[in-house]
Amino acid sequence: VENGKPFPDPYLIAARRLQLSPGRCAVFEDAPAGVAAARAAGVVTVIGVGAAAAEADITVAVDDLRGVHFDGSRLDIKGAS
């Protein structure tokens, strides 16, 4: 991408390649700059991973990805706060 995080470009390109609107995507981020990029792209669901992301504008926080499962249609997050 021309502009990396905290610009929204990485997430806008990913959503376009998936043929989805950013609002239908979920993003996992471990850094405030990544959370800002996702929000700027229009992503509604931002899962903060780890302590650094937990202080940003996230939807839910997890310590790590062990409790995260996606079956292709449903995202299940155990241990979220």
C-alpha atoms as a PDB file:
ATOM      1  CA  VAL A   1       0.000   0.000   0.000  1.00  0.00           C
ATOM      2  CA  GLU A   2       1.088   3.557  -0.516  1.00  0.00           C
ATOM      3  CA  ASN A   3       0.101   4.631   3.003  1.00  0.00           C
ATOM      4  CA  GLY A   4       0.445   2.172   5.874  1.00  0.00           C
ATOM      5  CA  LYS A   5      -1.157   2.275   9.286  1.00  0.00           C
ATOM      6  CA  PRO A   6      -2.496   4.503  10.835  1.00  0.00           C
ATOM      7  CA  PHE A   7      -3.935   5.335   7.397  1.00  0.00           C
ATOM      8  CA  PRO A   8      -6.933   3.190   6.401  1.00  0.00           C
ATOM      9  CA  ASP A   9      -5.395   1.996   3.104  1.00  0.00           C
ATOM     10  CA  PRO A  10      -4.426  -1.552   4.237  1.00  0.00           C
ATOM     11  CA  TYR A  11      -7.947  -2.308   5.443  1.00  0.00           C
ATOM     12  CA  LEU A  12      -9.676  -0.640   2.502  1.00  0.00           C
ATOM     13  CA  ILE A  13      -7.639  -2.716   0.046  1.00  0.00           C
ATOM     14  CA  ALA A  14      -8.221  -5.937   1.999  1.00  0.00           C
ATOM     15  CA  ALA A  15     -11.990  -5.351   2.116  1.00  0.00           C
ATOM     16  CA  ARG A  16     -12.080  -4.553  -1.590  1.00  0.00           C
ATOM     17  CA  ARG A  17     -10.158  -7.752  -2.409  1.00  0.00           C
ATOM     18  CA  LEU A  18     -12.613  -9.734  -0.265  1.00  0.00           C
ATOM     19  CA  GLN A  19     -15.468  -7.952  -2.037  1.00  0.00           C
ATOM     20  CA  LEU A  20     -16.889  -6.784   1.290  1.00  0.00           C
ATOM     21  CA  SER A  21     -17.609  -3.383   2.714  1.00  0.00           C
ATOM     22  CA  PRO A  22     -15.280  -2.543   5.622  1.00  0.00           C
ATOM     23  CA  GLY A  23     -18.343  -2.387   7.863  1.00  0.00           C
ATOM     24  CA  ARG A  24     -18.871  -6.132   7.340  1.00  0.00           C
ATOM     25  CA  CYS A  25     -15.293  -6.985   8.335  1.00  0.00           C
ATOM     26  CA  ALA A  26     -13.797  -7.757  11.736  1.00  0.00           C
ATOM     27  CA  VAL A  27     -10.229  -6.706  12.458  1.00  0.00           C
ATOM     28  CA  PHE A  28      -7.804  -8.117  15.013  1.00  0.00           C
ATOM     29  CA  GLU A  29      -5.205  -5.544  16.055  1.00  0.00           C
ATOM     30  CA  ASP A  30      -2.428  -5.414  18.608  1.00  0.00           C
ATOM     31  CA  ALA A  31      -1.431  -1.756  18.217  1.00  0.00           C
ATOM     32  CA  PRO A  32      -3.237   1.582  18.537  1.00  0.00           C
ATOM     33  CA  ALA A  33      -2.100   2.644  15.025  1.00  0.00           C
ATOM     34  CA  GLY A  34      -3.767  -0.444  13.563  1.00  0.00           C
ATOM     35  CA  VAL A  35      -6.961   0.203  15.505  1.00  0.00           C
ATOM     36  CA  ALA A  36      -6.981   3.794  14.215  1.00  0.00           C
ATOM     37  CA  ALA A  37      -6.488   2.526  10.644  1.00  0.00           C
ATOM     38  CA  ALA A  38      -9.366   0.064  10.967  1.00  0.00           C
ATOM     39  CA  ARG A  39     -11.689   2.709  12.407  1.00  0.00           C
ATOM     40  CA  ALA A  40     -10.714   5.191   9.673  1.00  0.00           C
ATOM     41  CA  ALA A  41     -11.554   2.523   7.074  1.00  0.00           C
ATOM     42  CA  GLY A  42     -15.044   2.132   8.537  1.00  0.00           C
ATOM     43  CA  VAL A  43     -14.546  -1.180  10.322  1.00  0.00           C
ATOM     44  CA  VAL A  44     -17.168  -1.547  13.054  1.00  0.00           C
ATOM     45  CA  THR A  45     -15.816  -4.622  14.872  1.00  0.00           C
ATOM     46  CA  VAL A  46     -12.246  -4.205  16.117  1.00  0.00           C
ATOM     47  CA  ILE A  47     -10.868  -6.865  18.452  1.00  0.00           C
ATOM     48  CA  GLY A  48      -7.921  -5.614  20.461  1.00  0.00           C
ATOM     49  CA  VAL A  49      -5.289  -8.269  21.090  1.00  0.00           C
ATOM     50  CA  GLY A  50      -2.979  -7.732  24.041  1.00  0.00           C
ATOM     51  CA  ALA A  51      -2.400  -4.907  26.472  1.00  0.00           C
ATOM     52  CA  ALA A  52      -1.329  -2.210  23.990  1.00  0.00           C
ATOM     53  CA  ALA A  53      -4.513  -2.458  21.921  1.00  0.00           C
ATOM     54  CA  ALA A  54      -6.773  -2.721  24.963  1.00  0.00           C
ATOM     55  CA  GLU A  55      -6.394   1.002  25.559  1.00  0.00           C
ATOM     56  CA  ALA A  56      -7.466   1.990  22.036  1.00  0.00           C
ATOM     57  CA  ASP A  57     -10.976   2.426  20.550  1.00  0.00           C
ATOM     58  CA  ILE A  58     -11.843  -1.280  20.343  1.00  0.00           C
ATOM     59  CA  THR A  59     -15.070  -3.277  20.379  1.00  0.00           C
ATOM     60  CA  VAL A  60     -13.737  -6.020  22.639  1.00  0.00           C
ATOM     61  CA  ALA A  61     -10.374  -7.039  24.111  1.00  0.00           C
ATOM     62  CA  VAL A  62      -8.651 -10.428  24.319  1.00  0.00           C
ATOM     63  CA  ASP A  63      -5.296 -11.343  25.843  1.00  0.00           C
ATOM     64  CA  ASP A  64      -4.416 -13.587  22.892  1.00  0.00           C
ATOM     65  CA  LEU A  65      -6.080 -15.483  20.038  1.00  0.00           C
ATOM     66  CA  ARG A  66      -6.458 -18.860  21.764  1.00  0.00           C
ATOM     67  CA  GLY A  67     -10.154 -18.277  22.513  1.00  0.00           C
ATOM     68  CA  VAL A  68     -10.990 -16.996  19.017  1.00  0.00           C
ATOM     69  CA  HIS A  69     -12.718 -19.325  16.554  1.00  0.00           C
ATOM     70  CA  PHE A  70     -14.218 -18.636  13.129  1.00  0.00           C
ATOM     71  CA  ASP A  71     -16.109 -21.347  11.289  1.00  0.00           C
ATOM     72  CA  GLY A  72     -16.492 -19.437   8.035  1.00  0.00           C
ATOM     73  CA  SER A  73     -19.702 -17.719   9.033  1.00  0.00           C
ATOM     74  CA  ARG A  74     -19.634 -17.152  12.791  1.00  0.00           C
ATOM     75  CA  LEU A  75     -16.966 -15.508  14.938  1.00  0.00           C
ATOM     76  CA  ASP A  76     -16.819 -16.855  18.510  1.00  0.00           C
ATOM     77  CA  ILE A  77     -14.638 -15.106  21.102  1.00  0.00           C
ATOM     78  CA  LYS A  78     -14.180 -16.687  24.519  1.00  0.00           C
ATOM     79  CA  GLY A  79     -12.487 -14.811  27.340  1.00  0.00           C
ATOM     80  CA  ALA A  80     -13.255 -11.364  25.900  1.00  0.00           C
ATOM     81  CA  SER A  81     -13.548  -8.303  28.076  1.00  0.00           C
END
